[in-house]
Amino acid sequence: MGQKIEFFGLQTIPEVSAGDNLAELIVSAAKGEMVGIKERDIIIITSKIVSKAMGLVENLEKIMSSKRALARNISQRCLSEV
C-alpha cells in the first residue's frame, strides 16, 4: 500500500520576535488548529521565521547602499525604460 503524505500550513503562529521559542509557538499552533504533532512527523520551518526568532533581522532603512550598488540600480532602471 502506498504511503500518504499530508501538508498543513499553520495559520495561527503569531508574529515572531527576537528570543521567541519557535518550538513552543509551533506546538501551540498545531494543537490549537487541531492538527497536533505526532511521532515521525516532519516539521518544515522557513529560514525567515528562524532569523526573526534569532534576532538576525535588519531594518533596510538603516543600511547604506554603496556607490557601486546605487550606480548599478540606476543603470538597470535606465535599461528597463529602453
N, C-alpha and C. Protein backbone atom coordinates (compact mmCIF):
# COMPACT_ATOMS: atom_id res chain seq x y z
N MET A 1 0.85 -1.19 0.00
CA MET A 1 0.00 0.00 0.00
C MET A 1 0.88 1.24 0.00
N GLY A 2 0.49 2.26 -0.74
CA GLY A 2 1.25 3.50 -0.82
C GLY A 2 1.18 4.31 0.45
N GLN A 3 2.19 5.13 0.66
CA GLN A 3 2.20 5.97 1.84
C GLN A 3 1.47 7.28 1.55
N LYS A 4 0.85 7.81 2.57
CA LYS A 4 0.09 9.04 2.45
C LYS A 4 0.93 10.20 2.99
N ILE A 5 0.97 11.29 2.23
CA ILE A 5 1.69 12.49 2.65
C ILE A 5 0.69 13.63 2.72
N GLU A 6 0.69 14.34 3.85
CA GLU A 6 -0.18 15.50 4.02
C GLU A 6 0.65 16.70 4.45
N PHE A 7 0.26 17.88 4.00
CA PHE A 7 0.91 19.12 4.39
C PHE A 7 -0.10 20.00 5.10
N PHE A 8 0.31 20.60 6.20
CA PHE A 8 -0.54 21.53 6.93
C PHE A 8 0.23 22.83 7.15
N GLY A 9 -0.28 23.91 6.63
CA GLY A 9 0.31 25.22 6.90
C GLY A 9 -0.36 25.81 8.12
N LEU A 10 0.41 26.03 9.16
CA LEU A 10 -0.17 26.58 10.40
C LEU A 10 -0.52 28.05 10.19
N GLN A 11 -1.76 28.39 10.51
CA GLN A 11 -2.27 29.74 10.26
C GLN A 11 -2.23 30.65 11.49
N THR A 12 -2.01 30.07 12.68
CA THR A 12 -2.16 30.86 13.91
C THR A 12 -0.84 31.16 14.62
N ILE A 13 0.30 30.97 13.94
CA ILE A 13 1.57 31.34 14.56
C ILE A 13 1.63 32.87 14.58
N PRO A 14 1.87 33.45 15.77
CA PRO A 14 1.89 34.92 15.86
C PRO A 14 3.15 35.49 15.21
N GLU A 15 3.19 36.81 15.13
CA GLU A 15 4.39 37.48 14.63
C GLU A 15 5.56 37.10 15.54
N VAL A 16 6.65 36.66 14.95
CA VAL A 16 7.80 36.18 15.71
C VAL A 16 8.77 37.33 15.96
N SER A 17 9.28 37.38 17.20
CA SER A 17 10.25 38.41 17.58
C SER A 17 11.51 37.74 18.12
N ALA A 18 12.57 38.52 18.23
CA ALA A 18 13.84 38.01 18.75
C ALA A 18 13.62 37.39 20.13
N GLY A 19 14.14 36.18 20.30
CA GLY A 19 14.04 35.49 21.59
C GLY A 19 12.84 34.58 21.73
N ASP A 20 11.90 34.63 20.79
CA ASP A 20 10.73 33.75 20.86
C ASP A 20 11.16 32.29 20.76
N ASN A 21 10.45 31.41 21.46
CA ASN A 21 10.71 29.98 21.42
C ASN A 21 9.89 29.38 20.28
N LEU A 22 10.53 29.10 19.15
CA LEU A 22 9.82 28.59 17.98
C LEU A 22 9.14 27.26 18.25
N ALA A 23 9.80 26.38 18.98
CA ALA A 23 9.20 25.07 19.27
C ALA A 23 7.87 25.24 19.98
N GLU A 24 7.84 26.10 21.00
CA GLU A 24 6.60 26.32 21.74
C GLU A 24 5.53 26.94 20.84
N LEU A 25 5.91 27.90 20.01
CA LEU A 25 4.95 28.55 19.11
C LEU A 25 4.34 27.54 18.13
N ILE A 26 5.19 26.67 17.58
CA ILE A 26 4.73 25.70 16.59
C ILE A 26 3.83 24.66 17.23
N VAL A 27 4.25 24.11 18.37
CA VAL A 27 3.44 23.09 19.05
C VAL A 27 2.09 23.67 19.47
N SER A 28 2.11 24.88 20.01
CA SER A 28 0.87 25.52 20.45
C SER A 28 -0.08 25.76 19.26
N ALA A 29 0.47 26.25 18.16
CA ALA A 29 -0.35 26.49 16.96
C ALA A 29 -0.92 25.18 16.42
N ALA A 30 -0.10 24.13 16.38
CA ALA A 30 -0.57 22.84 15.87
C ALA A 30 -1.69 22.28 16.74
N LYS A 31 -1.55 22.40 18.06
CA LYS A 31 -2.61 21.93 18.96
C LYS A 31 -3.87 22.76 18.79
N GLY A 32 -3.71 24.07 18.73
CA GLY A 32 -4.85 24.97 18.60
C GLY A 32 -5.61 24.78 17.30
N GLU A 33 -4.92 24.35 16.26
CA GLU A 33 -5.56 24.13 14.96
C GLU A 33 -6.02 22.68 14.79
N MET A 34 -5.97 21.92 15.87
CA MET A 34 -6.42 20.52 15.89
C MET A 34 -5.64 19.63 14.94
N VAL A 35 -4.40 20.01 14.66
CA VAL A 35 -3.54 19.20 13.81
C VAL A 35 -2.64 18.34 14.68
N GLY A 36 -2.04 18.96 15.67
CA GLY A 36 -1.13 18.26 16.57
C GLY A 36 0.14 17.83 15.85
N ILE A 37 1.09 17.35 16.63
CA ILE A 37 2.34 16.83 16.09
C ILE A 37 2.51 15.43 16.64
N LYS A 38 2.71 14.49 15.74
CA LYS A 38 2.83 13.08 16.13
C LYS A 38 4.25 12.59 15.87
N GLU A 39 4.57 11.44 16.47
CA GLU A 39 5.86 10.82 16.24
C GLU A 39 6.04 10.57 14.75
N ARG A 40 7.23 10.83 14.25
CA ARG A 40 7.63 10.66 12.86
C ARG A 40 7.13 11.78 11.94
N ASP A 41 6.47 12.79 12.47
CA ASP A 41 6.09 13.95 11.67
C ASP A 41 7.34 14.72 11.29
N ILE A 42 7.31 15.35 10.16
CA ILE A 42 8.41 16.20 9.69
C ILE A 42 7.90 17.64 9.74
N ILE A 43 8.65 18.48 10.41
CA ILE A 43 8.28 19.89 10.55
C ILE A 43 9.19 20.72 9.64
N ILE A 44 8.60 21.52 8.80
CA ILE A 44 9.36 22.39 7.89
C ILE A 44 9.18 23.82 8.37
N ILE A 45 10.31 24.49 8.60
CA ILE A 45 10.28 25.86 9.10
C ILE A 45 11.08 26.74 8.15
N THR A 46 10.54 27.88 7.78
CA THR A 46 11.25 28.77 6.86
C THR A 46 12.43 29.44 7.56
N SER A 47 13.43 29.80 6.77
CA SER A 47 14.60 30.48 7.34
C SER A 47 14.21 31.87 7.86
N LYS A 48 13.18 32.46 7.29
CA LYS A 48 12.77 33.79 7.73
C LYS A 48 12.31 33.77 9.19
N ILE A 49 11.48 32.81 9.55
CA ILE A 49 10.97 32.76 10.92
C ILE A 49 12.09 32.43 11.90
N VAL A 50 13.05 31.61 11.48
CA VAL A 50 14.21 31.29 12.34
C VAL A 50 15.06 32.54 12.53
N SER A 51 15.31 33.27 11.46
CA SER A 51 16.10 34.50 11.54
C SER A 51 15.45 35.51 12.47
N LYS A 52 14.14 35.64 12.37
CA LYS A 52 13.43 36.59 13.23
C LYS A 52 13.55 36.18 14.70
N ALA A 53 13.40 34.90 15.00
CA ALA A 53 13.50 34.42 16.38
C ALA A 53 14.91 34.60 16.93
N MET A 54 15.91 34.51 16.05
CA MET A 54 17.30 34.66 16.47
C MET A 54 17.74 36.13 16.50
N GLY A 55 16.88 37.02 16.09
CA GLY A 55 17.20 38.44 16.10
C GLY A 55 18.14 38.84 14.98
N LEU A 56 18.11 38.10 13.88
CA LEU A 56 19.00 38.37 12.75
C LEU A 56 18.29 39.13 11.64
N VAL A 57 17.52 40.14 12.01
CA VAL A 57 16.75 40.93 11.06
C VAL A 57 17.25 42.37 11.15
N GLU A 58 17.42 42.99 10.01
CA GLU A 58 17.89 44.38 9.95
C GLU A 58 16.83 45.25 9.29
N ASN A 59 16.74 46.47 9.74
CA ASN A 59 15.86 47.45 9.14
C ASN A 59 16.56 47.98 7.89
N LEU A 60 15.96 47.79 6.73
CA LEU A 60 16.59 48.20 5.47
C LEU A 60 16.83 49.70 5.38
N GLU A 61 16.06 50.48 6.11
CA GLU A 61 16.25 51.93 6.09
C GLU A 61 17.56 52.34 6.76
N LYS A 62 18.12 51.46 7.59
CA LYS A 62 19.37 51.76 8.29
C LYS A 62 20.60 51.30 7.52
N ILE A 63 20.39 50.61 6.41
CA ILE A 63 21.50 50.07 5.63
C ILE A 63 21.83 51.05 4.51
N MET A 64 23.09 51.45 4.44
CA MET A 64 23.54 52.38 3.41
C MET A 64 24.04 51.59 2.19
N SER A 65 23.50 51.90 1.04
CA SER A 65 23.96 51.26 -0.20
C SER A 65 25.29 51.86 -0.63
N SER A 66 26.14 51.03 -1.19
CA SER A 66 27.43 51.52 -1.70
C SER A 66 27.18 52.32 -2.98
N LYS A 67 28.15 53.12 -3.38
CA LYS A 67 28.03 53.89 -4.62
C LYS A 67 27.89 52.95 -5.81
N ARG A 68 28.60 51.83 -5.77
CA ARG A 68 28.53 50.85 -6.86
C ARG A 68 27.12 50.27 -6.98
N ALA A 69 26.51 49.94 -5.83
CA ALA A 69 25.15 49.38 -5.85
C ALA A 69 24.15 50.41 -6.37
N LEU A 70 24.30 51.65 -5.94
CA LEU A 70 23.40 52.72 -6.41
C LEU A 70 23.54 52.93 -7.91
N ALA A 71 24.79 52.93 -8.40
CA ALA A 71 25.03 53.11 -9.83
C ALA A 71 24.43 51.96 -10.62
N ARG A 72 24.57 50.76 -10.12
CA ARG A 72 24.00 49.59 -10.83
C ARG A 72 22.48 49.67 -10.88
N ASN A 73 21.88 50.08 -9.77
CA ASN A 73 20.42 50.20 -9.71
C ASN A 73 19.93 51.23 -10.71
N ILE A 74 20.62 52.36 -10.79
CA ILE A 74 20.24 53.42 -11.73
C ILE A 74 20.39 52.92 -13.17
N SER A 75 21.50 52.24 -13.48
CA SER A 75 21.70 51.78 -14.85
C SER A 75 20.68 50.72 -15.23
N GLN A 76 20.28 49.87 -14.29
CA GLN A 76 19.26 48.86 -14.60
C GLN A 76 17.92 49.50 -14.87
N ARG A 77 17.59 50.54 -14.10
CA ARG A 77 16.33 51.25 -14.35
C ARG A 77 16.34 51.92 -15.71
N CYS A 78 17.48 52.52 -16.08
CA CYS A 78 17.59 53.17 -17.39
C CYS A 78 17.44 52.16 -18.53
N LEU A 79 18.05 51.00 -18.39
CA LEU A 79 17.96 49.96 -19.42
C LEU A 79 16.55 49.40 -19.53
N SER A 80 15.84 49.33 -18.42
CA SER A 80 14.49 48.77 -18.48
C SER A 80 13.51 49.74 -19.13
N GLU A 81 13.87 51.03 -19.18
CA GLU A 81 12.99 52.03 -19.81
C GLU A 81 13.19 52.09 -21.31
N VAL A 82 14.24 51.45 -21.83
CA VAL A 82 14.53 51.50 -23.27
C VAL A 82 13.61 50.60 -24.04
